Amino acid sequence: LQRNHDCSILLVFDREEADKMLSIM
């Protein structure tokens, strides 16, 4: 987040699961 909030959000996959998602895409 920018400006007034020190906040972060992450989307995490292990490599195998990320490859599955990329294959679908």
PDBML (XML) file of the C-alpha atoms, coordinates in Angstrom:
<?xml version="1.0" encoding="UTF-8" ?>
<PDBx:datablock datablockName="MODEL"
   xmlns:PDBx="http://pdbml.pdb.org/schema/pdbx-v50.xsd"
   xmlns:xsi="http://www.w3.org/2001/XMLSchema-instance"
   xsi:schemaLocation="http://pdbml.pdb.org/schema/pdbx-v50.xsd pdbx-v50.xsd">
   <PDBx:atom_siteCategory>
      <PDBx:atom_site id="1">
         <PDBx:B_iso_or_equiv>0.00</PDBx:B_iso_or_equiv>
         <PDBx:Cartn_x>0.000</PDBx:Cartn_x>
         <PDBx:Cartn_y>0.000</PDBx:Cartn_y>
         <PDBx:Cartn_z>0.000</PDBx:Cartn_z>
         <PDBx:auth_asym_id>A</PDBx:auth_asym_id>
         <PDBx:auth_atom_id>CA</PDBx:auth_atom_id>
         <PDBx:auth_comp_id>LEU</PDBx:auth_comp_id>
         <PDBx:auth_seq_id>1</PDBx:auth_seq_id>
         <PDBx:group_PDB>ATOM</PDBx:group_PDB>
         <PDBx:label_alt_id xsi:nil="true" />
         <PDBx:label_asym_id>A</PDBx:label_asym_id>
         <PDBx:label_atom_id>CA</PDBx:label_atom_id>
         <PDBx:label_comp_id>LEU</PDBx:label_comp_id>
         <PDBx:label_entity_id>1</PDBx:label_entity_id>
         <PDBx:label_seq_id>1</PDBx:label_seq_id>
         <PDBx:occupancy>1.00</PDBx:occupancy>
         <PDBx:pdbx_PDB_model_num>1</PDBx:pdbx_PDB_model_num>
         <PDBx:type_symbol>C</PDBx:type_symbol>
      </PDBx:atom_site>
      <PDBx:atom_site id="2">
         <PDBx:B_iso_or_equiv>0.00</PDBx:B_iso_or_equiv>
         <PDBx:Cartn_x>1.042</PDBx:Cartn_x>
         <PDBx:Cartn_y>3.557</PDBx:Cartn_y>
         <PDBx:Cartn_z>-0.693</PDBx:Cartn_z>
         <PDBx:auth_asym_id>A</PDBx:auth_asym_id>
         <PDBx:auth_atom_id>CA</PDBx:auth_atom_id>
         <PDBx:auth_comp_id>GLN</PDBx:auth_comp_id>
         <PDBx:auth_seq_id>2</PDBx:auth_seq_id>
         <PDBx:group_PDB>ATOM</PDBx:group_PDB>
         <PDBx:label_alt_id xsi:nil="true" />
         <PDBx:label_asym_id>A</PDBx:label_asym_id>
         <PDBx:label_atom_id>CA</PDBx:label_atom_id>
         <PDBx:label_comp_id>GLN</PDBx:label_comp_id>
         <PDBx:label_entity_id>1</PDBx:label_entity_id>
         <PDBx:label_seq_id>2</PDBx:label_seq_id>
         <PDBx:occupancy>1.00</PDBx:occupancy>
         <PDBx:pdbx_PDB_model_num>1</PDBx:pdbx_PDB_model_num>
         <PDBx:type_symbol>C</PDBx:type_symbol>
      </PDBx:atom_site>
      <PDBx:atom_site id="3">
         <PDBx:B_iso_or_equiv>0.00</PDBx:B_iso_or_equiv>
         <PDBx:Cartn_x>0.611</PDBx:Cartn_x>
         <PDBx:Cartn_y>6.785</PDBx:Cartn_y>
         <PDBx:Cartn_z>1.269</PDBx:Cartn_z>
         <PDBx:auth_asym_id>A</PDBx:auth_asym_id>
         <PDBx:auth_atom_id>CA</PDBx:auth_atom_id>
         <PDBx:auth_comp_id>ARG</PDBx:auth_comp_id>
         <PDBx:auth_seq_id>3</PDBx:auth_seq_id>
         <PDBx:group_PDB>ATOM</PDBx:group_PDB>
         <PDBx:label_alt_id xsi:nil="true" />
         <PDBx:label_asym_id>A</PDBx:label_asym_id>
         <PDBx:label_atom_id>CA</PDBx:label_atom_id>
         <PDBx:label_comp_id>ARG</PDBx:label_comp_id>
         <PDBx:label_entity_id>1</PDBx:label_entity_id>
         <PDBx:label_seq_id>3</PDBx:label_seq_id>
         <PDBx:occupancy>1.00</PDBx:occupancy>
         <PDBx:pdbx_PDB_model_num>1</PDBx:pdbx_PDB_model_num>
         <PDBx:type_symbol>C</PDBx:type_symbol>
      </PDBx:atom_site>
      <PDBx:atom_site id="4">
         <PDBx:B_iso_or_equiv>0.00</PDBx:B_iso_or_equiv>
         <PDBx:Cartn_x>-0.720</PDBx:Cartn_x>
         <PDBx:Cartn_y>6.337</PDBx:Cartn_y>
         <PDBx:Cartn_z>4.800</PDBx:Cartn_z>
         <PDBx:auth_asym_id>A</PDBx:auth_asym_id>
         <PDBx:auth_atom_id>CA</PDBx:auth_atom_id>
         <PDBx:auth_comp_id>ASN</PDBx:auth_comp_id>
         <PDBx:auth_seq_id>4</PDBx:auth_seq_id>
         <PDBx:group_PDB>ATOM</PDBx:group_PDB>
         <PDBx:label_alt_id xsi:nil="true" />
         <PDBx:label_asym_id>A</PDBx:label_asym_id>
         <PDBx:label_atom_id>CA</PDBx:label_atom_id>
         <PDBx:label_comp_id>ASN</PDBx:label_comp_id>
         <PDBx:label_entity_id>1</PDBx:label_entity_id>
         <PDBx:label_seq_id>4</PDBx:label_seq_id>
         <PDBx:occupancy>1.00</PDBx:occupancy>
         <PDBx:pdbx_PDB_model_num>1</PDBx:pdbx_PDB_model_num>
         <PDBx:type_symbol>C</PDBx:type_symbol>
      </PDBx:atom_site>
      <PDBx:atom_site id="5">
         <PDBx:B_iso_or_equiv>0.00</PDBx:B_iso_or_equiv>
         <PDBx:Cartn_x>-0.509</PDBx:Cartn_x>
         <PDBx:Cartn_y>2.571</PDBx:Cartn_y>
         <PDBx:Cartn_z>5.396</PDBx:Cartn_z>
         <PDBx:auth_asym_id>A</PDBx:auth_asym_id>
         <PDBx:auth_atom_id>CA</PDBx:auth_atom_id>
         <PDBx:auth_comp_id>HIS</PDBx:auth_comp_id>
         <PDBx:auth_seq_id>5</PDBx:auth_seq_id>
         <PDBx:group_PDB>ATOM</PDBx:group_PDB>
         <PDBx:label_alt_id xsi:nil="true" />
         <PDBx:label_asym_id>A</PDBx:label_asym_id>
         <PDBx:label_atom_id>CA</PDBx:label_atom_id>
         <PDBx:label_comp_id>HIS</PDBx:label_comp_id>
         <PDBx:label_entity_id>1</PDBx:label_entity_id>
         <PDBx:label_seq_id>5</PDBx:label_seq_id>
         <PDBx:occupancy>1.00</PDBx:occupancy>
         <PDBx:pdbx_PDB_model_num>1</PDBx:pdbx_PDB_model_num>
         <PDBx:type_symbol>C</PDBx:type_symbol>
      </PDBx:atom_site>
      <PDBx:atom_site id="6">
         <PDBx:B_iso_or_equiv>0.00</PDBx:B_iso_or_equiv>
         <PDBx:Cartn_x>2.460</PDBx:Cartn_x>
         <PDBx:Cartn_y>0.278</PDBx:Cartn_y>
         <PDBx:Cartn_z>5.929</PDBx:Cartn_z>
         <PDBx:auth_asym_id>A</PDBx:auth_asym_id>
         <PDBx:auth_atom_id>CA</PDBx:auth_atom_id>
         <PDBx:auth_comp_id>ASP</PDBx:auth_comp_id>
         <PDBx:auth_seq_id>6</PDBx:auth_seq_id>
         <PDBx:group_PDB>ATOM</PDBx:group_PDB>
         <PDBx:label_alt_id xsi:nil="true" />
         <PDBx:label_asym_id>A</PDBx:label_asym_id>
         <PDBx:label_atom_id>CA</PDBx:label_atom_id>
         <PDBx:label_comp_id>ASP</PDBx:label_comp_id>
         <PDBx:label_entity_id>1</PDBx:label_entity_id>
         <PDBx:label_seq_id>6</PDBx:label_seq_id>
         <PDBx:occupancy>1.00</PDBx:occupancy>
         <PDBx:pdbx_PDB_model_num>1</PDBx:pdbx_PDB_model_num>
         <PDBx:type_symbol>C</PDBx:type_symbol>
      </PDBx:atom_site>
      <PDBx:atom_site id="7">
         <PDBx:B_iso_or_equiv>0.00</PDBx:B_iso_or_equiv>
         <PDBx:Cartn_x>0.703</PDBx:Cartn_x>
         <PDBx:Cartn_y>-2.822</PDBx:Cartn_y>
         <PDBx:Cartn_z>4.630</PDBx:Cartn_z>
         <PDBx:auth_asym_id>A</PDBx:auth_asym_id>
         <PDBx:auth_atom_id>CA</PDBx:auth_atom_id>
         <PDBx:auth_comp_id>CYS</PDBx:auth_comp_id>
         <PDBx:auth_seq_id>7</PDBx:auth_seq_id>
         <PDBx:group_PDB>ATOM</PDBx:group_PDB>
         <PDBx:label_alt_id xsi:nil="true" />
         <PDBx:label_asym_id>A</PDBx:label_asym_id>
         <PDBx:label_atom_id>CA</PDBx:label_atom_id>
         <PDBx:label_comp_id>CYS</PDBx:label_comp_id>
         <PDBx:label_entity_id>1</PDBx:label_entity_id>
         <PDBx:label_seq_id>7</PDBx:label_seq_id>
         <PDBx:occupancy>1.00</PDBx:occupancy>
         <PDBx:pdbx_PDB_model_num>1</PDBx:pdbx_PDB_model_num>
         <PDBx:type_symbol>C</PDBx:type_symbol>
      </PDBx:atom_site>
      <PDBx:atom_site id="8">
         <PDBx:B_iso_or_equiv>0.00</PDBx:B_iso_or_equiv>
         <PDBx:Cartn_x>1.692</PDBx:Cartn_x>
         <PDBx:Cartn_y>-5.562</PDBx:Cartn_y>
         <PDBx:Cartn_z>2.215</PDBx:Cartn_z>
         <PDBx:auth_asym_id>A</PDBx:auth_asym_id>
         <PDBx:auth_atom_id>CA</PDBx:auth_atom_id>
         <PDBx:auth_comp_id>SER</PDBx:auth_comp_id>
         <PDBx:auth_seq_id>8</PDBx:auth_seq_id>
         <PDBx:group_PDB>ATOM</PDBx:group_PDB>
         <PDBx:label_alt_id xsi:nil="true" />
         <PDBx:label_asym_id>A</PDBx:label_asym_id>
         <PDBx:label_atom_id>CA</PDBx:label_atom_id>
         <PDBx:label_comp_id>SER</PDBx:label_comp_id>
         <PDBx:label_entity_id>1</PDBx:label_entity_id>
         <PDBx:label_seq_id>8</PDBx:label_seq_id>
         <PDBx:occupancy>1.00</PDBx:occupancy>
         <PDBx:pdbx_PDB_model_num>1</PDBx:pdbx_PDB_model_num>
         <PDBx:type_symbol>C</PDBx:type_symbol>
      </PDBx:atom_site>
      <PDBx:atom_site id="9">
         <PDBx:B_iso_or_equiv>0.00</PDBx:B_iso_or_equiv>
         <PDBx:Cartn_x>-0.154</PDBx:Cartn_x>
         <PDBx:Cartn_y>-8.503</PDBx:Cartn_y>
         <PDBx:Cartn_z>0.667</PDBx:Cartn_z>
         <PDBx:auth_asym_id>A</PDBx:auth_asym_id>
         <PDBx:auth_atom_id>CA</PDBx:auth_atom_id>
         <PDBx:auth_comp_id>ILE</PDBx:auth_comp_id>
         <PDBx:auth_seq_id>9</PDBx:auth_seq_id>
         <PDBx:group_PDB>ATOM</PDBx:group_PDB>
         <PDBx:label_alt_id xsi:nil="true" />
         <PDBx:label_asym_id>A</PDBx:label_asym_id>
         <PDBx:label_atom_id>CA</PDBx:label_atom_id>
         <PDBx:label_comp_id>ILE</PDBx:label_comp_id>
         <PDBx:label_entity_id>1</PDBx:label_entity_id>
         <PDBx:label_seq_id>9</PDBx:label_seq_id>
         <PDBx:occupancy>1.00</PDBx:occupancy>
         <PDBx:pdbx_PDB_model_num>1</PDBx:pdbx_PDB_model_num>
         <PDBx:type_symbol>C</PDBx:type_symbol>
      </PDBx:atom_site>
      <PDBx:atom_site id="10">
         <PDBx:B_iso_or_equiv>0.00</PDBx:B_iso_or_equiv>
         <PDBx:Cartn_x>1.443</PDBx:Cartn_x>
         <PDBx:Cartn_y>-11.574</PDBx:Cartn_y>
         <PDBx:Cartn_z>-0.909</PDBx:Cartn_z>
         <PDBx:auth_asym_id>A</PDBx:auth_asym_id>
         <PDBx:auth_atom_id>CA</PDBx:auth_atom_id>
         <PDBx:auth_comp_id>LEU</PDBx:auth_comp_id>
         <PDBx:auth_seq_id>10</PDBx:auth_seq_id>
         <PDBx:group_PDB>ATOM</PDBx:group_PDB>
         <PDBx:label_alt_id xsi:nil="true" />
         <PDBx:label_asym_id>A</PDBx:label_asym_id>
         <PDBx:label_atom_id>CA</PDBx:label_atom_id>
         <PDBx:label_comp_id>LEU</PDBx:label_comp_id>
         <PDBx:label_entity_id>1</PDBx:label_entity_id>
         <PDBx:label_seq_id>10</PDBx:label_seq_id>
         <PDBx:occupancy>1.00</PDBx:occupancy>
         <PDBx:pdbx_PDB_model_num>1</PDBx:pdbx_PDB_model_num>
         <PDBx:type_symbol>C</PDBx:type_symbol>
      </PDBx:atom_site>
      <PDBx:atom_site id="11">
         <PDBx:B_iso_or_equiv>0.00</PDBx:B_iso_or_equiv>
         <PDBx:Cartn_x>0.226</PDBx:Cartn_x>
         <PDBx:Cartn_y>-14.423</PDBx:Cartn_y>
         <PDBx:Cartn_z>-3.106</PDBx:Cartn_z>
         <PDBx:auth_asym_id>A</PDBx:auth_asym_id>
         <PDBx:auth_atom_id>CA</PDBx:auth_atom_id>
         <PDBx:auth_comp_id>LEU</PDBx:auth_comp_id>
         <PDBx:auth_seq_id>11</PDBx:auth_seq_id>
         <PDBx:group_PDB>ATOM</PDBx:group_PDB>
         <PDBx:label_alt_id xsi:nil="true" />
         <PDBx:label_asym_id>A</PDBx:label_asym_id>
         <PDBx:label_atom_id>CA</PDBx:label_atom_id>
         <PDBx:label_comp_id>LEU</PDBx:label_comp_id>
         <PDBx:label_entity_id>1</PDBx:label_entity_id>
         <PDBx:label_seq_id>11</PDBx:label_seq_id>
         <PDBx:occupancy>1.00</PDBx:occupancy>
         <PDBx:pdbx_PDB_model_num>1</PDBx:pdbx_PDB_model_num>
         <PDBx:type_symbol>C</PDBx:type_symbol>
      </PDBx:atom_site>
      <PDBx:atom_site id="12">
         <PDBx:B_iso_or_equiv>0.00</PDBx:B_iso_or_equiv>
         <PDBx:Cartn_x>2.434</PDBx:Cartn_x>
         <PDBx:Cartn_y>-17.470</PDBx:Cartn_y>
         <PDBx:Cartn_z>-2.572</PDBx:Cartn_z>
         <PDBx:auth_asym_id>A</PDBx:auth_asym_id>
         <PDBx:auth_atom_id>CA</PDBx:auth_atom_id>
         <PDBx:auth_comp_id>VAL</PDBx:auth_comp_id>
         <PDBx:auth_seq_id>12</PDBx:auth_seq_id>
         <PDBx:group_PDB>ATOM</PDBx:group_PDB>
         <PDBx:label_alt_id xsi:nil="true" />
         <PDBx:label_asym_id>A</PDBx:label_asym_id>
         <PDBx:label_atom_id>CA</PDBx:label_atom_id>
         <PDBx:label_comp_id>VAL</PDBx:label_comp_id>
         <PDBx:label_entity_id>1</PDBx:label_entity_id>
         <PDBx:label_seq_id>12</PDBx:label_seq_id>
         <PDBx:occupancy>1.00</PDBx:occupancy>
         <PDBx:pdbx_PDB_model_num>1</PDBx:pdbx_PDB_model_num>
         <PDBx:type_symbol>C</PDBx:type_symbol>
      </PDBx:atom_site>
      <PDBx:atom_site id="13">
         <PDBx:B_iso_or_equiv>0.00</PDBx:B_iso_or_equiv>
         <PDBx:Cartn_x>2.822</PDBx:Cartn_x>
         <PDBx:Cartn_y>-20.765</PDBx:Cartn_y>
         <PDBx:Cartn_z>-4.452</PDBx:Cartn_z>
         <PDBx:auth_asym_id>A</PDBx:auth_asym_id>
         <PDBx:auth_atom_id>CA</PDBx:auth_atom_id>
         <PDBx:auth_comp_id>PHE</PDBx:auth_comp_id>
         <PDBx:auth_seq_id>13</PDBx:auth_seq_id>
         <PDBx:group_PDB>ATOM</PDBx:group_PDB>
         <PDBx:label_alt_id xsi:nil="true" />
         <PDBx:label_asym_id>A</PDBx:label_asym_id>
         <PDBx:label_atom_id>CA</PDBx:label_atom_id>
         <PDBx:label_comp_id>PHE</PDBx:label_comp_id>
         <PDBx:label_entity_id>1</PDBx:label_entity_id>
         <PDBx:label_seq_id>13</PDBx:label_seq_id>
         <PDBx:occupancy>1.00</PDBx:occupancy>
         <PDBx:pdbx_PDB_model_num>1</PDBx:pdbx_PDB_model_num>
         <PDBx:type_symbol>C</PDBx:type_symbol>
      </PDBx:atom_site>
      <PDBx:atom_site id="14">
         <PDBx:B_iso_or_equiv>0.00</PDBx:B_iso_or_equiv>
         <PDBx:Cartn_x>5.430</PDBx:Cartn_x>
         <PDBx:Cartn_y>-23.452</PDBx:Cartn_y>
         <PDBx:Cartn_z>-4.305</PDBx:Cartn_z>
         <PDBx:auth_asym_id>A</PDBx:auth_asym_id>
         <PDBx:auth_atom_id>CA</PDBx:auth_atom_id>
         <PDBx:auth_comp_id>ASP</PDBx:auth_comp_id>
         <PDBx:auth_seq_id>14</PDBx:auth_seq_id>
         <PDBx:group_PDB>ATOM</PDBx:group_PDB>
         <PDBx:label_alt_id xsi:nil="true" />
         <PDBx:label_asym_id>A</PDBx:label_asym_id>
         <PDBx:label_atom_id>CA</PDBx:label_atom_id>
         <PDBx:label_comp_id>ASP</PDBx:label_comp_id>
         <PDBx:label_entity_id>1</PDBx:label_entity_id>
         <PDBx:label_seq_id>14</PDBx:label_seq_id>
         <PDBx:occupancy>1.00</PDBx:occupancy>
         <PDBx:pdbx_PDB_model_num>1</PDBx:pdbx_PDB_model_num>
         <PDBx:type_symbol>C</PDBx:type_symbol>
      </PDBx:atom_site>
      <PDBx:atom_site id="15">
         <PDBx:B_iso_or_equiv>0.00</PDBx:B_iso_or_equiv>
         <PDBx:Cartn_x>7.047</PDBx:Cartn_x>
         <PDBx:Cartn_y>-23.876</PDBx:Cartn_y>
         <PDBx:Cartn_z>-7.725</PDBx:Cartn_z>
         <PDBx:auth_asym_id>A</PDBx:auth_asym_id>
         <PDBx:auth_atom_id>CA</PDBx:auth_atom_id>
         <PDBx:auth_comp_id>ARG</PDBx:auth_comp_id>
         <PDBx:auth_seq_id>15</PDBx:auth_seq_id>
         <PDBx:group_PDB>ATOM</PDBx:group_PDB>
         <PDBx:label_alt_id xsi:nil="true" />
         <PDBx:label_asym_id>A</PDBx:label_asym_id>
         <PDBx:label_atom_id>CA</PDBx:label_atom_id>
         <PDBx:label_comp_id>ARG</PDBx:label_comp_id>
         <PDBx:label_entity_id>1</PDBx:label_entity_id>
         <PDBx:label_seq_id>15</PDBx:label_seq_id>
         <PDBx:occupancy>1.00</PDBx:occupancy>
         <PDBx:pdbx_PDB_model_num>1</PDBx:pdbx_PDB_model_num>
         <PDBx:type_symbol>C</PDBx:type_symbol>
      </PDBx:atom_site>
      <PDBx:atom_site id="16">
         <PDBx:B_iso_or_equiv>0.00</PDBx:B_iso_or_equiv>
         <PDBx:Cartn_x>5.062</PDBx:Cartn_x>
         <PDBx:Cartn_y>-26.970</PDBx:Cartn_y>
         <PDBx:Cartn_z>-8.662</PDBx:Cartn_z>
         <PDBx:auth_asym_id>A</PDBx:auth_asym_id>
         <PDBx:auth_atom_id>CA</PDBx:auth_atom_id>
         <PDBx:auth_comp_id>GLU</PDBx:auth_comp_id>
         <PDBx:auth_seq_id>16</PDBx:auth_seq_id>
         <PDBx:group_PDB>ATOM</PDBx:group_PDB>
         <PDBx:label_alt_id xsi:nil="true" />
         <PDBx:label_asym_id>A</PDBx:label_asym_id>
         <PDBx:label_atom_id>CA</PDBx:label_atom_id>
         <PDBx:label_comp_id>GLU</PDBx:label_comp_id>
         <PDBx:label_entity_id>1</PDBx:label_entity_id>
         <PDBx:label_seq_id>16</PDBx:label_seq_id>
         <PDBx:occupancy>1.00</PDBx:occupancy>
         <PDBx:pdbx_PDB_model_num>1</PDBx:pdbx_PDB_model_num>
         <PDBx:type_symbol>C</PDBx:type_symbol>
      </PDBx:atom_site>
      <PDBx:atom_site id="17">
         <PDBx:B_iso_or_equiv>0.00</PDBx:B_iso_or_equiv>
         <PDBx:Cartn_x>1.695</PDBx:Cartn_x>
         <PDBx:Cartn_y>-25.349</PDBx:Cartn_y>
         <PDBx:Cartn_z>-7.889</PDBx:Cartn_z>
         <PDBx:auth_asym_id>A</PDBx:auth_asym_id>
         <PDBx:auth_atom_id>CA</PDBx:auth_atom_id>
         <PDBx:auth_comp_id>GLU</PDBx:auth_comp_id>
         <PDBx:auth_seq_id>17</PDBx:auth_seq_id>
         <PDBx:group_PDB>ATOM</PDBx:group_PDB>
         <PDBx:label_alt_id xsi:nil="true" />
         <PDBx:label_asym_id>A</PDBx:label_asym_id>
         <PDBx:label_atom_id>CA</PDBx:label_atom_id>
         <PDBx:label_comp_id>GLU</PDBx:label_comp_id>
         <PDBx:label_entity_id>1</PDBx:label_entity_id>
         <PDBx:label_seq_id>17</PDBx:label_seq_id>
         <PDBx:occupancy>1.00</PDBx:occupancy>
         <PDBx:pdbx_PDB_model_num>1</PDBx:pdbx_PDB_model_num>
         <PDBx:type_symbol>C</PDBx:type_symbol>
      </PDBx:atom_site>
      <PDBx:atom_site id="18">
         <PDBx:B_iso_or_equiv>0.00</PDBx:B_iso_or_equiv>
         <PDBx:Cartn_x>2.711</PDBx:Cartn_x>
         <PDBx:Cartn_y>-22.152</PDBx:Cartn_y>
         <PDBx:Cartn_z>-9.714</PDBx:Cartn_z>
         <PDBx:auth_asym_id>A</PDBx:auth_asym_id>
         <PDBx:auth_atom_id>CA</PDBx:auth_atom_id>
         <PDBx:auth_comp_id>ALA</PDBx:auth_comp_id>
         <PDBx:auth_seq_id>18</PDBx:auth_seq_id>
         <PDBx:group_PDB>ATOM</PDBx:group_PDB>
         <PDBx:label_alt_id xsi:nil="true" />
         <PDBx:label_asym_id>A</PDBx:label_asym_id>
         <PDBx:label_atom_id>CA</PDBx:label_atom_id>
         <PDBx:label_comp_id>ALA</PDBx:label_comp_id>
         <PDBx:label_entity_id>1</PDBx:label_entity_id>
         <PDBx:label_seq_id>18</PDBx:label_seq_id>
         <PDBx:occupancy>1.00</PDBx:occupancy>
         <PDBx:pdbx_PDB_model_num>1</PDBx:pdbx_PDB_model_num>
         <PDBx:type_symbol>C</PDBx:type_symbol>
      </PDBx:atom_site>
      <PDBx:atom_site id="19">
         <PDBx:B_iso_or_equiv>0.00</PDBx:B_iso_or_equiv>
         <PDBx:Cartn_x>3.562</PDBx:Cartn_x>
         <PDBx:Cartn_y>-24.229</PDBx:Cartn_y>
         <PDBx:Cartn_z>-12.796</PDBx:Cartn_z>
         <PDBx:auth_asym_id>A</PDBx:auth_asym_id>
         <PDBx:auth_atom_id>CA</PDBx:auth_atom_id>
         <PDBx:auth_comp_id>ASP</PDBx:auth_comp_id>
         <PDBx:auth_seq_id>19</PDBx:auth_seq_id>
         <PDBx:group_PDB>ATOM</PDBx:group_PDB>
         <PDBx:label_alt_id xsi:nil="true" />
         <PDBx:label_asym_id>A</PDBx:label_asym_id>
         <PDBx:label_atom_id>CA</PDBx:label_atom_id>
         <PDBx:label_comp_id>ASP</PDBx:label_comp_id>
         <PDBx:label_entity_id>1</PDBx:label_entity_id>
         <PDBx:label_seq_id>19</PDBx:label_seq_id>
         <PDBx:occupancy>1.00</PDBx:occupancy>
         <PDBx:pdbx_PDB_model_num>1</PDBx:pdbx_PDB_model_num>
         <PDBx:type_symbol>C</PDBx:type_symbol>
      </PDBx:atom_site>
      <PDBx:atom_site id="20">
         <PDBx:B_iso_or_equiv>0.00</PDBx:B_iso_or_equiv>
         <PDBx:Cartn_x>0.106</PDBx:Cartn_x>
         <PDBx:Cartn_y>-25.823</PDBx:Cartn_y>
         <PDBx:Cartn_z>-12.652</PDBx:Cartn_z>
         <PDBx:auth_asym_id>A</PDBx:auth_asym_id>
         <PDBx:auth_atom_id>CA</PDBx:auth_atom_id>
         <PDBx:auth_comp_id>LYS</PDBx:auth_comp_id>
         <PDBx:auth_seq_id>20</PDBx:auth_seq_id>
         <PDBx:group_PDB>ATOM</PDBx:group_PDB>
         <PDBx:label_alt_id xsi:nil="true" />
         <PDBx:label_asym_id>A</PDBx:label_asym_id>
         <PDBx:label_atom_id>CA</PDBx:label_atom_id>
         <PDBx:label_comp_id>LYS</PDBx:label_comp_id>
         <PDBx:label_entity_id>1</PDBx:label_entity_id>
         <PDBx:label_seq_id>20</PDBx:label_seq_id>
         <PDBx:occupancy>1.00</PDBx:occupancy>
         <PDBx:pdbx_PDB_model_num>1</PDBx:pdbx_PDB_model_num>
         <PDBx:type_symbol>C</PDBx:type_symbol>
      </PDBx:atom_site>
      <PDBx:atom_site id="21">
         <PDBx:B_iso_or_equiv>0.00</PDBx:B_iso_or_equiv>
         <PDBx:Cartn_x>-1.528</PDBx:Cartn_x>
         <PDBx:Cartn_y>-22.400</PDBx:Cartn_y>
         <PDBx:Cartn_z>-12.582</PDBx:Cartn_z>
         <PDBx:auth_asym_id>A</PDBx:auth_asym_id>
         <PDBx:auth_atom_id>CA</PDBx:auth_atom_id>
         <PDBx:auth_comp_id>MET</PDBx:auth_comp_id>
         <PDBx:auth_seq_id>21</PDBx:auth_seq_id>
         <PDBx:group_PDB>ATOM</PDBx:group_PDB>
         <PDBx:label_alt_id xsi:nil="true" />
         <PDBx:label_asym_id>A</PDBx:label_asym_id>
         <PDBx:label_atom_id>CA</PDBx:label_atom_id>
         <PDBx:label_comp_id>MET</PDBx:label_comp_id>
         <PDBx:label_entity_id>1</PDBx:label_entity_id>
         <PDBx:label_seq_id>21</PDBx:label_seq_id>
         <PDBx:occupancy>1.00</PDBx:occupancy>
         <PDBx:pdbx_PDB_model_num>1</PDBx:pdbx_PDB_model_num>
         <PDBx:type_symbol>C</PDBx:type_symbol>
      </PDBx:atom_site>
      <PDBx:atom_site id="22">
         <PDBx:B_iso_or_equiv>0.00</PDBx:B_iso_or_equiv>
         <PDBx:Cartn_x>0.635</PDBx:Cartn_x>
         <PDBx:Cartn_y>-21.164</PDBx:Cartn_y>
         <PDBx:Cartn_z>-15.455</PDBx:Cartn_z>
         <PDBx:auth_asym_id>A</PDBx:auth_asym_id>
         <PDBx:auth_atom_id>CA</PDBx:auth_atom_id>
         <PDBx:auth_comp_id>LEU</PDBx:auth_comp_id>
         <PDBx:auth_seq_id>22</PDBx:auth_seq_id>
         <PDBx:group_PDB>ATOM</PDBx:group_PDB>
         <PDBx:label_alt_id xsi:nil="true" />
         <PDBx:label_asym_id>A</PDBx:label_asym_id>
         <PDBx:label_atom_id>CA</PDBx:label_atom_id>
         <PDBx:label_comp_id>LEU</PDBx:label_comp_id>
         <PDBx:label_entity_id>1</PDBx:label_entity_id>
         <PDBx:label_seq_id>22</PDBx:label_seq_id>
         <PDBx:occupancy>1.00</PDBx:occupancy>
         <PDBx:pdbx_PDB_model_num>1</PDBx:pdbx_PDB_model_num>
         <PDBx:type_symbol>C</PDBx:type_symbol>
      </PDBx:atom_site>
      <PDBx:atom_site id="23">
         <PDBx:B_iso_or_equiv>0.00</PDBx:B_iso_or_equiv>
         <PDBx:Cartn_x>-0.306</PDBx:Cartn_x>
         <PDBx:Cartn_y>-24.238</PDBx:Cartn_y>
         <PDBx:Cartn_z>-17.473</PDBx:Cartn_z>
         <PDBx:auth_asym_id>A</PDBx:auth_asym_id>
         <PDBx:auth_atom_id>CA</PDBx:auth_atom_id>
         <PDBx:auth_comp_id>SER</PDBx:auth_comp_id>
         <PDBx:auth_seq_id>23</PDBx:auth_seq_id>
         <PDBx:group_PDB>ATOM</PDBx:group_PDB>
         <PDBx:label_alt_id xsi:nil="true" />
         <PDBx:label_asym_id>A</PDBx:label_asym_id>
         <PDBx:label_atom_id>CA</PDBx:label_atom_id>
         <PDBx:label_comp_id>SER</PDBx:label_comp_id>
         <PDBx:label_entity_id>1</PDBx:label_entity_id>
         <PDBx:label_seq_id>23</PDBx:label_seq_id>
         <PDBx:occupancy>1.00</PDBx:occupancy>
         <PDBx:pdbx_PDB_model_num>1</PDBx:pdbx_PDB_model_num>
         <PDBx:type_symbol>C</PDBx:type_symbol>
      </PDBx:atom_site>
      <PDBx:atom_site id="24">
         <PDBx:B_iso_or_equiv>0.00</PDBx:B_iso_or_equiv>
         <PDBx:Cartn_x>-4.004</PDBx:Cartn_x>
         <PDBx:Cartn_y>-23.436</PDBx:Cartn_y>
         <PDBx:Cartn_z>-17.042</PDBx:Cartn_z>
         <PDBx:auth_asym_id>A</PDBx:auth_asym_id>
         <PDBx:auth_atom_id>CA</PDBx:auth_atom_id>
         <PDBx:auth_comp_id>ILE</PDBx:auth_comp_id>
         <PDBx:auth_seq_id>24</PDBx:auth_seq_id>
         <PDBx:group_PDB>ATOM</PDBx:group_PDB>
         <PDBx:label_alt_id xsi:nil="true" />
         <PDBx:label_asym_id>A</PDBx:label_asym_id>
         <PDBx:label_atom_id>CA</PDBx:label_atom_id>
         <PDBx:label_comp_id>ILE</PDBx:label_comp_id>
         <PDBx:label_entity_id>1</PDBx:label_entity_id>
         <PDBx:label_seq_id>24</PDBx:label_seq_id>
         <PDBx:occupancy>1.00</PDBx:occupancy>
         <PDBx:pdbx_PDB_model_num>1</PDBx:pdbx_PDB_model_num>
         <PDBx:type_symbol>C</PDBx:type_symbol>
      </PDBx:atom_site>
      <PDBx:atom_site id="25">
         <PDBx:B_iso_or_equiv>0.00</PDBx:B_iso_or_equiv>
         <PDBx:Cartn_x>-3.409</PDBx:Cartn_x>
         <PDBx:Cartn_y>-19.803</PDBx:Cartn_y>
         <PDBx:Cartn_z>-17.982</PDBx:Cartn_z>
         <PDBx:auth_asym_id>A</PDBx:auth_asym_id>
         <PDBx:auth_atom_id>CA</PDBx:auth_atom_id>
         <PDBx:auth_comp_id>MET</PDBx:auth_comp_id>
         <PDBx:auth_seq_id>25</PDBx:auth_seq_id>
         <PDBx:group_PDB>ATOM</PDBx:group_PDB>
         <PDBx:label_alt_id xsi:nil="true" />
         <PDBx:label_asym_id>A</PDBx:label_asym_id>
         <PDBx:label_atom_id>CA</PDBx:label_atom_id>
         <PDBx:label_comp_id>MET</PDBx:label_comp_id>
         <PDBx:label_entity_id>1</PDBx:label_entity_id>
         <PDBx:label_seq_id>25</PDBx:label_seq_id>
         <PDBx:occupancy>1.00</PDBx:occupancy>
         <PDBx:pdbx_PDB_model_num>1</PDBx:pdbx_PDB_model_num>
         <PDBx:type_symbol>C</PDBx:type_symbol>
      </PDBx:atom_site>
   </PDBx:atom_siteCategory>
</PDBx:datablock>
